[in-house]
Amino acid sequence: MFYEIRQYLILPGKMEEWLQLMEQEIIPFQVGCGMVITGSFRGEADDSVYVWMRRFESEADRERLYAKVYESETWKNDIGPRVGELIDRDAIQVTRVVPTQLSVAQ
């Protein structure tokens, strides 16, 4: 099992719109496709920071879920195009991590 920590740079003045899109559309859609979303965070003092985490059982699981989400007509035609209006896609940071032996995130 591993986690994917994704950090986004939200465009100026777009945080509230981004949170609405994430919480009302993106997260429910991805969860409905089988993704396990383990956290969603905004910067405490920096309104340009958004971080979220997903958990995958294996690389094959991640590939299957990525295809189910990102190759879907819903993502390509509805959700995906709006994402680029709210975040700086070139600044996306993705870090894969595995829980340590004593982590409660096992």
PDB file of N, CA and C in Angstrom:
ATOM      1  N   MET A   1       0.848  -1.177   0.000  1.00  0.00           N
ATOM      2  CA  MET A   1       0.000   0.000   0.000  1.00  0.00           C
ATOM      3  C   MET A   1       0.890   1.235   0.000  1.00  0.00           C
ATOM      4  N   PHE A   2       0.412   2.294  -0.671  1.00  0.00           N
ATOM      5  CA  PHE A   2       1.115   3.572  -0.639  1.00  0.00           C
ATOM      6  C   PHE A   2       0.100   4.706  -0.727  1.00  0.00           C
ATOM      7  N   TYR A   3       0.567   5.878  -0.362  1.00  0.00           N
ATOM      8  CA  TYR A   3      -0.243   7.090  -0.423  1.00  0.00           C
ATOM      9  C   TYR A   3       0.343   8.013  -1.475  1.00  0.00           C
ATOM     10  N   GLU A   4      -0.516   8.783  -2.068  1.00  0.00           N
ATOM     11  CA  GLU A   4      -0.123   9.817  -3.009  1.00  0.00           C
ATOM     12  C   GLU A   4      -0.524  11.143  -2.375  1.00  0.00           C
ATOM     13  N   ILE A   5       0.474  11.978  -2.110  1.00  0.00           N
ATOM     14  CA  ILE A   5       0.221  13.314  -1.566  1.00  0.00           C
ATOM     15  C   ILE A   5       0.344  14.291  -2.732  1.00  0.00           C
ATOM     16  N   ARG A   6      -0.732  15.010  -2.998  1.00  0.00           N
ATOM     17  CA  ARG A   6      -0.768  15.939  -4.124  1.00  0.00           C
ATOM     18  C   ARG A   6      -0.894  17.363  -3.595  1.00  0.00           C
ATOM     19  N   GLN A   7       0.019  18.232  -3.980  1.00  0.00           N
ATOM     20  CA  GLN A   7      -0.039  19.637  -3.568  1.00  0.00           C
ATOM     21  C   GLN A   7      -0.240  20.502  -4.807  1.00  0.00           C
ATOM     22  N   TYR A   8      -1.221  21.387  -4.716  1.00  0.00           N
ATOM     23  CA  TYR A   8      -1.572  22.263  -5.831  1.00  0.00           C
ATOM     24  C   TYR A   8      -1.383  23.724  -5.446  1.00  0.00           C
ATOM     25  N   LEU A   9      -1.046  24.536  -6.441  1.00  0.00           N
ATOM     26  CA  LEU A   9      -0.989  25.981  -6.305  1.00  0.00           C
ATOM     27  C   LEU A   9      -2.294  26.527  -6.875  1.00  0.00           C
ATOM     28  N   ILE A  10      -3.113  27.063  -5.999  1.00  0.00           N
ATOM     29  CA  ILE A  10      -4.412  27.598  -6.413  1.00  0.00           C
ATOM     30  C   ILE A  10      -4.206  29.015  -6.948  1.00  0.00           C
ATOM     31  N   LEU A  11      -4.851  29.330  -8.039  1.00  0.00           N
ATOM     32  CA  LEU A  11      -4.704  30.655  -8.635  1.00  0.00           C
ATOM     33  C   LEU A  11      -5.285  31.722  -7.701  1.00  0.00           C
ATOM     34  N   PRO A  12      -4.739  32.937  -7.766  1.00  0.00           N
ATOM     35  CA  PRO A  12      -5.180  34.006  -6.853  1.00  0.00           C
ATOM     36  C   PRO A  12      -6.698  34.215  -6.893  1.00  0.00           C
ATOM     37  N   GLY A  13      -7.289  34.245  -5.705  1.00  0.00           N
ATOM     38  CA  GLY A  13      -8.716  34.495  -5.567  1.00  0.00           C
ATOM     39  C   GLY A  13      -9.613  33.325  -5.912  1.00  0.00           C
ATOM     40  N   LYS A  14      -9.054  32.154  -6.158  1.00  0.00           N
ATOM     41  CA  LYS A  14      -9.837  31.007  -6.626  1.00  0.00           C
ATOM     42  C   LYS A  14     -10.023  29.905  -5.581  1.00  0.00           C
ATOM     43  N   MET A  15      -9.531  30.083  -4.346  1.00  0.00           N
ATOM     44  CA  MET A  15      -9.593  29.005  -3.361  1.00  0.00           C
ATOM     45  C   MET A  15     -11.019  28.557  -3.070  1.00  0.00           C
ATOM     46  N   GLU A  16     -11.928  29.462  -2.841  1.00  0.00           N
ATOM     47  CA  GLU A  16     -13.302  29.059  -2.503  1.00  0.00           C
ATOM     48  C   GLU A  16     -13.951  28.296  -3.657  1.00  0.00           C
ATOM     49  N   GLU A  17     -13.713  28.764  -4.871  1.00  0.00           N
ATOM     50  CA  GLU A  17     -14.250  28.072  -6.041  1.00  0.00           C
ATOM     51  C   GLU A  17     -13.621  26.681  -6.186  1.00  0.00           C
ATOM     52  N   TRP A  18     -12.297  26.603  -5.909  1.00  0.00           N
ATOM     53  CA  TRP A  18     -11.608  25.317  -5.969  1.00  0.00           C
ATOM     54  C   TRP A  18     -12.170  24.347  -4.935  1.00  0.00           C
ATOM     55  N   LEU A  19     -12.341  24.807  -3.700  1.00  0.00           N
ATOM     56  CA  LEU A  19     -12.865  23.935  -2.648  1.00  0.00           C
ATOM     57  C   LEU A  19     -14.265  23.437  -2.993  1.00  0.00           C
ATOM     58  N   GLN A  20     -15.063  24.289  -3.564  1.00  0.00           N
ATOM     59  CA  GLN A  20     -16.411  23.882  -3.963  1.00  0.00           C
ATOM     60  C   GLN A  20     -16.336  22.789  -5.034  1.00  0.00           C
ATOM     61  N   LEU A  21     -15.469  22.967  -6.030  1.00  0.00           N
ATOM     62  CA  LEU A  21     -15.316  21.957  -7.073  1.00  0.00           C
ATOM     63  C   LEU A  21     -14.794  20.644  -6.487  1.00  0.00           C
ATOM     64  N   MET A  22     -13.773  20.732  -5.636  1.00  0.00           N
ATOM     65  CA  MET A  22     -13.213  19.514  -5.030  1.00  0.00           C
ATOM     66  C   MET A  22     -14.248  18.792  -4.181  1.00  0.00           C
ATOM     67  N   GLU A  23     -14.883  19.512  -3.276  1.00  0.00           N
ATOM     68  CA  GLU A  23     -15.742  18.866  -2.284  1.00  0.00           C
ATOM     69  C   GLU A  23     -17.109  18.463  -2.822  1.00  0.00           C
ATOM     70  N   GLN A  24     -17.593  19.157  -3.833  1.00  0.00           N
ATOM     71  CA  GLN A  24     -18.917  18.843  -4.346  1.00  0.00           C
ATOM     72  C   GLN A  24     -18.888  17.980  -5.604  1.00  0.00           C
ATOM     73  N   GLU A  25     -17.752  17.977  -6.309  1.00  0.00           N
ATOM     74  CA  GLU A  25     -17.708  17.220  -7.558  1.00  0.00           C
ATOM     75  C   GLU A  25     -16.539  16.246  -7.660  1.00  0.00           C
ATOM     76  N   ILE A  26     -15.307  16.731  -7.517  1.00  0.00           N
ATOM     77  CA  ILE A  26     -14.147  15.877  -7.764  1.00  0.00           C
ATOM     78  C   ILE A  26     -14.058  14.732  -6.763  1.00  0.00           C
ATOM     79  N   ILE A  27     -14.076  15.050  -5.474  1.00  0.00           N
ATOM     80  CA  ILE A  27     -13.950  13.984  -4.479  1.00  0.00           C
ATOM     81  C   ILE A  27     -15.109  12.995  -4.582  1.00  0.00           C
ATOM     82  N   PRO A  28     -16.372  13.445  -4.615  1.00  0.00           N
ATOM     83  CA  PRO A  28     -17.452  12.457  -4.755  1.00  0.00           C
ATOM     84  C   PRO A  28     -17.334  11.618  -6.029  1.00  0.00           C
ATOM     85  N   PHE A  29     -16.952  12.225  -7.132  1.00  0.00           N
ATOM     86  CA  PHE A  29     -16.798  11.483  -8.381  1.00  0.00           C
ATOM     87  C   PHE A  29     -15.706  10.426  -8.249  1.00  0.00           C
ATOM     88  N   GLN A  30     -14.542  10.831  -7.731  1.00  0.00           N
ATOM     89  CA  GLN A  30     -13.440   9.886  -7.620  1.00  0.00           C
ATOM     90  C   GLN A  30     -13.754   8.771  -6.628  1.00  0.00           C
ATOM     91  N   VAL A  31     -14.359   9.094  -5.507  1.00  0.00           N
ATOM     92  CA  VAL A  31     -14.752   8.067  -4.537  1.00  0.00           C
ATOM     93  C   VAL A  31     -15.749   7.108  -5.189  1.00  0.00           C
ATOM     94  N   GLY A  32     -16.674   7.637  -5.961  1.00  0.00           N
ATOM     95  CA  GLY A  32     -17.638   6.800  -6.667  1.00  0.00           C
ATOM     96  C   GLY A  32     -16.984   5.855  -7.664  1.00  0.00           C
ATOM     97  N   CYS A  33     -15.798   6.225  -8.153  1.00  0.00           N
ATOM     98  CA  CYS A  33     -15.046   5.367  -9.076  1.00  0.00           C
ATOM     99  C   CYS A  33     -14.161   4.373  -8.324  1.00  0.00           C
ATOM    100  N   GLY A  34     -14.113   4.480  -6.990  1.00  0.00           N
ATOM    101  CA  GLY A  34     -13.324   3.547  -6.198  1.00  0.00           C
ATOM    102  C   GLY A  34     -12.082   4.119  -5.555  1.00  0.00           C
ATOM    103  N   MET A  35     -11.755   5.378  -5.806  1.00  0.00           N
ATOM    104  CA  MET A  35     -10.592   6.002  -5.170  1.00  0.00           C
ATOM    105  C   MET A  35     -10.810   6.082  -3.667  1.00  0.00           C
ATOM    106  N   VAL A  36      -9.715   5.969  -2.916  1.00  0.00           N
ATOM    107  CA  VAL A  36      -9.764   6.162  -1.469  1.00  0.00           C
ATOM    108  C   VAL A  36      -9.066   7.485  -1.182  1.00  0.00           C
ATOM    109  N   ILE A  37      -9.860   8.494  -0.846  1.00  0.00           N
ATOM    110  CA  ILE A  37      -9.348   9.826  -0.519  1.00  0.00           C
ATOM    111  C   ILE A  37      -9.204   9.879   1.001  1.00  0.00           C
ATOM    112  N   THR A  38      -7.982  10.078   1.479  1.00  0.00           N
ATOM    113  CA  THR A  38      -7.748  10.028   2.922  1.00  0.00           C
ATOM    114  C   THR A  38      -7.607  11.396   3.569  1.00  0.00           C
ATOM    115  N   GLY A  39      -7.520  12.448   2.786  1.00  0.00           N
ATOM    116  CA  GLY A  39      -7.403  13.774   3.372  1.00  0.00           C
ATOM    117  C   GLY A  39      -7.505  14.854   2.323  1.00  0.00           C
ATOM    118  N   SER A  40      -7.987  16.010   2.765  1.00  0.00           N
ATOM    119  CA  SER A  40      -8.125  17.189   1.917  1.00  0.00           C
ATOM    120  C   SER A  40      -7.844  18.396   2.805  1.00  0.00           C
ATOM    121  N   PHE A  41      -6.873  19.237   2.401  1.00  0.00           N
ATOM    122  CA  PHE A  41      -6.412  20.320   3.262  1.00  0.00           C
ATOM    123  C   PHE A  41      -6.189  21.601   2.459  1.00  0.00           C
ATOM    124  N   ARG A  42      -6.442  22.717   3.097  1.00  0.00           N
ATOM    125  CA  ARG A  42      -6.077  24.017   2.519  1.00  0.00           C
ATOM    126  C   ARG A  42      -5.021  24.635   3.415  1.00  0.00           C
ATOM    127  N   GLY A  43      -4.249  25.551   2.865  1.00  0.00           N
ATOM    128  CA  GLY A  43      -3.233  26.227   3.662  1.00  0.00           C
ATOM    129  C   GLY A  43      -3.872  27.027   4.786  1.00  0.00           C
ATOM    130  N   GLU A  44      -3.286  26.969   5.952  1.00  0.00           N
ATOM    131  CA  GLU A  44      -3.823  27.702   7.094  1.00  0.00           C
ATOM    132  C   GLU A  44      -3.665  29.213   6.903  1.00  0.00           C
ATOM    133  N   ALA A  45      -2.500  29.630   6.457  1.00  0.00           N
ATOM    134  CA  ALA A  45      -2.242  31.055   6.278  1.00  0.00           C
ATOM    135  C   ALA A  45      -2.021  31.427   4.813  1.00  0.00           C
ATOM    136  N   ASP A  46      -1.774  30.448   3.959  1.00  0.00           N
ATOM    137  CA  ASP A  46      -1.483  30.692   2.548  1.00  0.00           C
ATOM    138  C   ASP A  46      -2.645  30.183   1.709  1.00  0.00           C
ATOM    139  N   ASP A  47      -3.403  31.103   1.143  1.00  0.00           N
ATOM    140  CA  ASP A  47      -4.612  30.747   0.388  1.00  0.00           C
ATOM    141  C   ASP A  47      -4.306  30.184  -0.995  1.00  0.00           C
ATOM    142  N   SER A  48      -3.033  29.970  -1.297  1.00  0.00           N
ATOM    143  CA  SER A  48      -2.694  29.365  -2.589  1.00  0.00           C
ATOM    144  C   SER A  48      -2.366  27.878  -2.443  1.00  0.00           C
ATOM    145  N   VAL A  49      -2.367  27.360  -1.214  1.00  0.00           N
ATOM    146  CA  VAL A  49      -1.954  25.977  -0.964  1.00  0.00           C
ATOM    147  C   VAL A  49      -3.163  25.062  -0.771  1.00  0.00           C
ATOM    148  N   TYR A  50      -3.186  23.979  -1.542  1.00  0.00           N
ATOM    149  CA  TYR A  50      -4.176  22.921  -1.362  1.00  0.00           C
ATOM    150  C   TYR A  50      -3.443  21.586  -1.452  1.00  0.00           C
ATOM    151  N   VAL A  51      -3.705  20.699  -0.490  1.00  0.00           N
ATOM    152  CA  VAL A  51      -3.068  19.387  -0.445  1.00  0.00           C
ATOM    153  C   VAL A  51      -4.149  18.341  -0.245  1.00  0.00           C
ATOM    154  N   TRP A  52      -4.027  17.237  -0.955  1.00  0.00           N
ATOM    155  CA  TRP A  52      -4.931  16.119  -0.703  1.00  0.00           C
ATOM    156  C   TRP A  52      -4.177  14.816  -0.853  1.00  0.00           C
ATOM    157  N   MET A  53      -4.742  13.748  -0.255  1.00  0.00           N
ATOM    158  CA  MET A  53      -4.070  12.459  -0.241  1.00  0.00           C
ATOM    159  C   MET A  53      -5.018  11.356  -0.696  1.00  0.00           C
ATOM    160  N   ARG A  54      -4.442  10.419  -1.434  1.00  0.00           N
ATOM    161  CA  ARG A  54      -5.180   9.231  -1.857  1.00  0.00           C
ATOM    162  C   ARG A  54      -4.356   8.002  -1.500  1.00  0.00           C
ATOM    163  N   ARG A  55      -5.043   6.900  -1.217  1.00  0.00           N
ATOM    164  CA  ARG A  55      -4.372   5.649  -0.871  1.00  0.00           C
ATOM    165  C   ARG A  55      -4.636   4.618  -1.965  1.00  0.00           C
ATOM    166  N   PHE A  56      -3.591   3.874  -2.294  1.00  0.00           N
ATOM    167  CA  PHE A  56      -3.687   2.811  -3.290  1.00  0.00           C
ATOM    168  C   PHE A  56      -3.124   1.523  -2.718  1.00  0.00           C
ATOM    169  N   GLU A  57      -3.719   0.416  -3.071  1.00  0.00           N
ATOM    170  CA  GLU A  57      -3.257  -0.883  -2.583  1.00  0.00           C
ATOM    171  C   GLU A  57      -1.997  -1.344  -3.301  1.00  0.00           C
ATOM    172  N   SER A  58      -1.825  -0.914  -4.566  1.00  0.00           N
ATOM    173  CA  SER A  58      -0.677  -1.333  -5.371  1.00  0.00           C
ATOM    174  C   SER A  58      -0.575  -0.406  -6.582  1.00  0.00           C
ATOM    175  N   GLU A  59       0.495  -0.553  -7.331  1.00  0.00           N
ATOM    176  CA  GLU A  59       0.637   0.220  -8.560  1.00  0.00           C
ATOM    177  C   GLU A  59      -0.438  -0.179  -9.567  1.00  0.00           C
ATOM    178  N   ALA A  60      -0.780  -1.451  -9.621  1.00  0.00           N
ATOM    179  CA  ALA A  60      -1.845  -1.904 -10.526  1.00  0.00           C
ATOM    180  C   ALA A  60      -3.180  -1.273 -10.134  1.00  0.00           C
ATOM    181  N   ASP A  61      -3.444  -1.150  -8.847  1.00  0.00           N
ATOM    182  CA  ASP A  61      -4.662  -0.498  -8.349  1.00  0.00           C
ATOM    183  C   ASP A  61      -4.681   0.970  -8.777  1.00  0.00           C
ATOM    184  N   ARG A  62      -3.538   1.652  -8.610  1.00  0.00           N
ATOM    185  CA  ARG A  62      -3.452   3.064  -9.006  1.00  0.00           C
ATOM    186  C   ARG A  62      -3.702   3.215 -10.500  1.00  0.00           C
ATOM    187  N   GLU A  63      -3.091   2.382 -11.306  1.00  0.00           N
ATOM    188  CA  GLU A  63      -3.269   2.470 -12.761  1.00  0.00           C
ATOM    189  C   GLU A  63      -4.726   2.239 -13.154  1.00  0.00           C
ATOM    190  N   ARG A  64      -5.354   1.248 -12.541  1.00  0.00           N
ATOM    191  CA  ARG A  64      -6.766   0.947 -12.835  1.00  0.00           C
ATOM    192  C   ARG A  64      -7.664   2.115 -12.457  1.00  0.00           C
ATOM    193  N   LEU A  65      -7.440   2.685 -11.276  1.00  0.00           N
ATOM    194  CA  LEU A  65      -8.280   3.796 -10.826  1.00  0.00           C
ATOM    195  C   LEU A  65      -8.012   5.070 -11.616  1.00  0.00           C
ATOM    196  N   TYR A  66      -6.758   5.335 -11.951  1.00  0.00           N
ATOM    197  CA  TYR A  66      -6.452   6.492 -12.801  1.00  0.00           C
ATOM    198  C   TYR A  66      -7.205   6.384 -14.122  1.00  0.00           C
ATOM    199  N   ALA A  67      -7.165   5.201 -14.734  1.00  0.00           N
ATOM    200  CA  ALA A  67      -7.863   5.016 -16.010  1.00  0.00           C
ATOM    201  C   ALA A  67      -9.360   5.227 -15.843  1.00  0.00           C
ATOM    202  N   LYS A  68      -9.927   4.672 -14.785  1.00  0.00           N
ATOM    203  CA  LYS A  68     -11.371   4.790 -14.556  1.00  0.00           C
ATOM    204  C   LYS A  68     -11.790   6.241 -14.388  1.00  0.00           C
ATOM    205  N   VAL A  69     -10.967   7.027 -13.694  1.00  0.00           N
ATOM    206  CA  VAL A  69     -11.289   8.440 -13.461  1.00  0.00           C
ATOM    207  C   VAL A  69     -10.925   9.294 -14.663  1.00  0.00           C
ATOM    208  N   TYR A  70      -9.639   9.308 -15.026  1.00  0.00           N
ATOM    209  CA  TYR A  70      -9.131  10.292 -15.971  1.00  0.00           C
ATOM    210  C   TYR A  70      -9.425   9.979 -17.438  1.00  0.00           C
ATOM    211  N   GLU A  71      -9.820   8.747 -17.735  1.00  0.00           N
ATOM    212  CA  GLU A  71     -10.215   8.420 -19.105  1.00  0.00           C
ATOM    213  C   GLU A  71     -11.731   8.436 -19.278  1.00  0.00           C
ATOM    214  N   SER A  72     -12.449   8.781 -18.220  1.00  0.00           N
ATOM    215  CA  SER A  72     -13.915   8.821 -18.295  1.00  0.00           C
ATOM    216  C   SER A  72     -14.378  10.054 -19.065  1.00  0.00           C
ATOM    217  N   GLU A  73     -15.532   9.950 -19.664  1.00  0.00           N
ATOM    218  CA  GLU A  73     -16.125  11.090 -20.362  1.00  0.00           C
ATOM    219  C   GLU A  73     -16.431  12.228 -19.379  1.00  0.00           C
ATOM    220  N   THR A  74     -16.860  11.881 -18.174  1.00  0.00           N
ATOM    221  CA  THR A  74     -17.161  12.905 -17.158  1.00  0.00           C
ATOM    222  C   THR A  74     -15.934  13.745 -16.877  1.00  0.00           C
ATOM    223  N   TRP A  75     -14.777  13.081 -16.695  1.00  0.00           N
ATOM    224  CA  TRP A  75     -13.560  13.842 -16.394  1.00  0.00           C
ATOM    225  C   TRP A  75     -13.116  14.645 -17.613  1.00  0.00           C
ATOM    226  N   LYS A  76     -13.048  13.998 -18.767  1.00  0.00           N
ATOM    227  CA  LYS A  76     -12.525  14.668 -19.962  1.00  0.00           C
ATOM    228  C   LYS A  76     -13.401  15.828 -20.426  1.00  0.00           C
ATOM    229  N   ASN A  77     -14.719  15.695 -20.301  1.00  0.00           N
ATOM    230  CA  ASN A  77     -15.612  16.697 -20.870  1.00  0.00           C
ATOM    231  C   ASN A  77     -16.173  17.696 -19.866  1.00  0.00           C
ATOM    232  N   ASP A  78     -16.202  17.347 -18.594  1.00  0.00           N
ATOM    233  CA  ASP A  78     -16.855  18.209 -17.612  1.00  0.00           C
ATOM    234  C   ASP A  78     -15.896  18.702 -16.530  1.00  0.00           C
ATOM    235  N   ILE A  79     -15.323  17.781 -15.773  1.00  0.00           N
ATOM    236  CA  ILE A  79     -14.523  18.181 -14.612  1.00  0.00           C
ATOM    237  C   ILE A  79     -13.139  18.671 -15.009  1.00  0.00           C
ATOM    238  N   GLY A  80     -12.423  17.893 -15.785  1.00  0.00           N
ATOM    239  CA  GLY A  80     -11.047  18.212 -16.140  1.00  0.00           C
ATOM    240  C   GLY A  80     -10.821  19.608 -16.700  1.00  0.00           C
ATOM    241  N   PRO A  81     -11.632  20.049 -17.656  1.00  0.00           N
ATOM    242  CA  PRO A  81     -11.408  21.389 -18.211  1.00  0.00           C
ATOM    243  C   PRO A  81     -11.525  22.507 -17.174  1.00  0.00           C
ATOM    244  N   ARG A  82     -12.355  22.331 -16.157  1.00  0.00           N
ATOM    245  CA  ARG A  82     -12.520  23.382 -15.136  1.00  0.00           C
ATOM    246  C   ARG A  82     -11.362  23.421 -14.161  1.00  0.00           C
ATOM    247  N   VAL A  83     -10.664  22.304 -13.997  1.00  0.00           N
ATOM    248  CA  VAL A  83      -9.532  22.263 -13.067  1.00  0.00           C
ATOM    249  C   VAL A  83      -8.469  23.280 -13.470  1.00  0.00           C
ATOM    250  N   GLY A  84      -8.137  23.329 -14.750  1.00  0.00           N
ATOM    251  CA  GLY A  84      -7.107  24.242 -15.243  1.00  0.00           C
ATOM    252  C   GLY A  84      -7.442  25.709 -15.102  1.00  0.00           C
ATOM    253  N   GLU A  85      -8.694  26.029 -14.846  1.00  0.00           N
ATOM    254  CA  GLU A  85      -9.098  27.421 -14.624  1.00  0.00           C
ATOM    255  C   GLU A  85      -8.855  27.853 -13.180  1.00  0.00           C
ATOM    256  N   LEU A  86      -8.552  26.899 -12.297  1.00  0.00           N
ATOM    257  CA  LEU A  86      -8.464  27.197 -10.866  1.00  0.00           C
ATOM    258  C   LEU A  86      -7.107  26.902 -10.251  1.00  0.00           C
ATOM    259  N   ILE A  87      -6.321  26.037 -10.889  1.00  0.00           N
ATOM    260  CA  ILE A  87      -5.000  25.709 -10.351  1.00  0.00           C
ATOM    261  C   ILE A  87      -3.933  25.900 -11.414  1.00  0.00           C
ATOM    262  N   ASP A  88      -2.688  26.036 -10.962  1.00  0.00           N
ATOM    263  CA  ASP A  88      -1.535  26.097 -11.858  1.00  0.00           C
ATOM    264  C   ASP A  88      -1.077  24.658 -12.092  1.00  0.00           C
ATOM    265  N   ARG A  89      -1.473  24.075 -13.205  1.00  0.00           N
ATOM    266  CA  ARG A  89      -1.154  22.661 -13.481  1.00  0.00           C
ATOM    267  C   ARG A  89       0.353  22.413 -13.528  1.00  0.00           C
ATOM    268  N   ASP A  90       1.135  23.407 -13.959  1.00  0.00           N
ATOM    269  CA  ASP A  90       2.590  23.235 -14.040  1.00  0.00           C
ATOM    270  C   ASP A  90       3.241  23.148 -12.658  1.00  0.00           C
ATOM    271  N   ALA A  91       2.544  23.601 -11.627  1.00  0.00           N
ATOM    272  CA  ALA A  91       3.112  23.616 -10.273  1.00  0.00           C
ATOM    273  C   ALA A  91       2.672  22.413  -9.431  1.00  0.00           C
ATOM    274  N   ILE A  92       1.925  21.474 -10.008  1.00  0.00           N
ATOM    275  CA  ILE A  92       1.466  20.311  -9.248  1.00  0.00           C
ATOM    276  C   ILE A  92       2.669  19.506  -8.755  1.00  0.00           C
ATOM    277  N   GLN A  93       2.624  19.156  -7.466  1.00  0.00           N
ATOM    278  CA  GLN A  93       3.647  18.306  -6.867  1.00  0.00           C
ATOM    279  C   GLN A  93       2.977  17.026  -6.381  1.00  0.00           C
ATOM    280  N   VAL A  94       3.504  15.890  -6.792  1.00  0.00           N
ATOM    281  CA  VAL A  94       2.971  14.595  -6.369  1.00  0.00           C
ATOM    282  C   VAL A  94       4.095  13.826  -5.692  1.00  0.00           C
ATOM    283  N   THR A  95       3.847  13.400  -4.465  1.00  0.00           N
ATOM    284  CA  THR A  95       4.820  12.620  -3.712  1.00  0.00           C
ATOM    285  C   THR A  95       4.164  11.319  -3.287  1.00  0.00           C
ATOM    286  N   ARG A  96       4.822  10.210  -3.562  1.00  0.00           N
ATOM    287  CA  ARG A  96       4.323   8.909  -3.126  1.00  0.00           C
ATOM    288  C   ARG A  96       5.071   8.523  -1.859  1.00  0.00           C
ATOM    289  N   VAL A  97       4.313   8.096  -0.854  1.00  0.00           N
ATOM    290  CA  VAL A  97       4.912   7.711   0.421  1.00  0.00           C
ATOM    291  C   VAL A  97       4.306   6.393   0.891  1.00  0.00           C
ATOM    292  N   VAL A  98       5.065   5.671   1.698  1.00  0.00           N
ATOM    293  CA  VAL A  98       4.567   4.440   2.313  1.00  0.00           C
ATOM    294  C   VAL A  98       4.618   4.613   3.824  1.00  0.00           C
ATOM    295  N   PRO A  99       3.612   4.095   4.534  1.00  0.00           N
ATOM    296  CA  PRO A  99       3.598   4.243   5.986  1.00  0.00           C
ATOM    297  C   PRO A  99       4.734   3.442   6.629  1.00  0.00           C
ATOM    298  N   THR A 100       5.277   3.984   7.670  1.00  0.00           N
ATOM    299  CA  THR A 100       6.299   3.270   8.431  1.00  0.00           C
ATOM    300  C   THR A 100       5.618   2.231   9.323  1.00  0.00           C
ATOM    301  N   GLN A 101       6.401   1.373   9.912  1.00  0.00           N
ATOM    302  CA  GLN A 101       5.888   0.253  10.697  1.00  0.00           C
ATOM    303  C   GLN A 101       4.946   0.697  11.817  1.00  0.00           C
ATOM    304  N   LEU A 102       5.219   1.797  12.477  1.00  0.00           N
ATOM    305  CA  LEU A 102       4.398   2.219  13.610  1.00  0.00           C
ATOM    306  C   LEU A 102       3.322   3.234  13.226  1.00  0.00           C
ATOM    307  N   SER A 103       3.191   3.544  11.958  1.00  0.00           N
ATOM    308  CA  SER A 103       2.196   4.522  11.523  1.00  0.00           C
ATOM    309  C   SER A 103       0.771   3.979  11.687  1.00  0.00           C
ATOM    310  N   VAL A 104      -0.134   4.842  12.140  1.00  0.00           N
ATOM    311  CA  VAL A 104      -1.537   4.446  12.223  1.00  0.00           C
ATOM    312  C   VAL A 104      -2.171   4.416  10.828  1.00  0.00           C
ATOM    313  N   ALA A 105      -1.436   4.857   9.823  1.00  0.00           N
ATOM    314  CA  ALA A 105      -1.945   4.879   8.450  1.00  0.00           C
ATOM    315  C   ALA A 105      -1.673   3.562   7.724  1.00  0.00           C
ATOM    316  N   GLN A 106      -1.432   2.502   8.448  1.00  0.00           N
ATOM    317  CA  GLN A 106      -1.182   1.185   7.860  1.00  0.00           C
ATOM    318  C   GLN A 106      -2.436   0.671   7.181  1.00  0.00           C
TER     319      GLN A 106
END
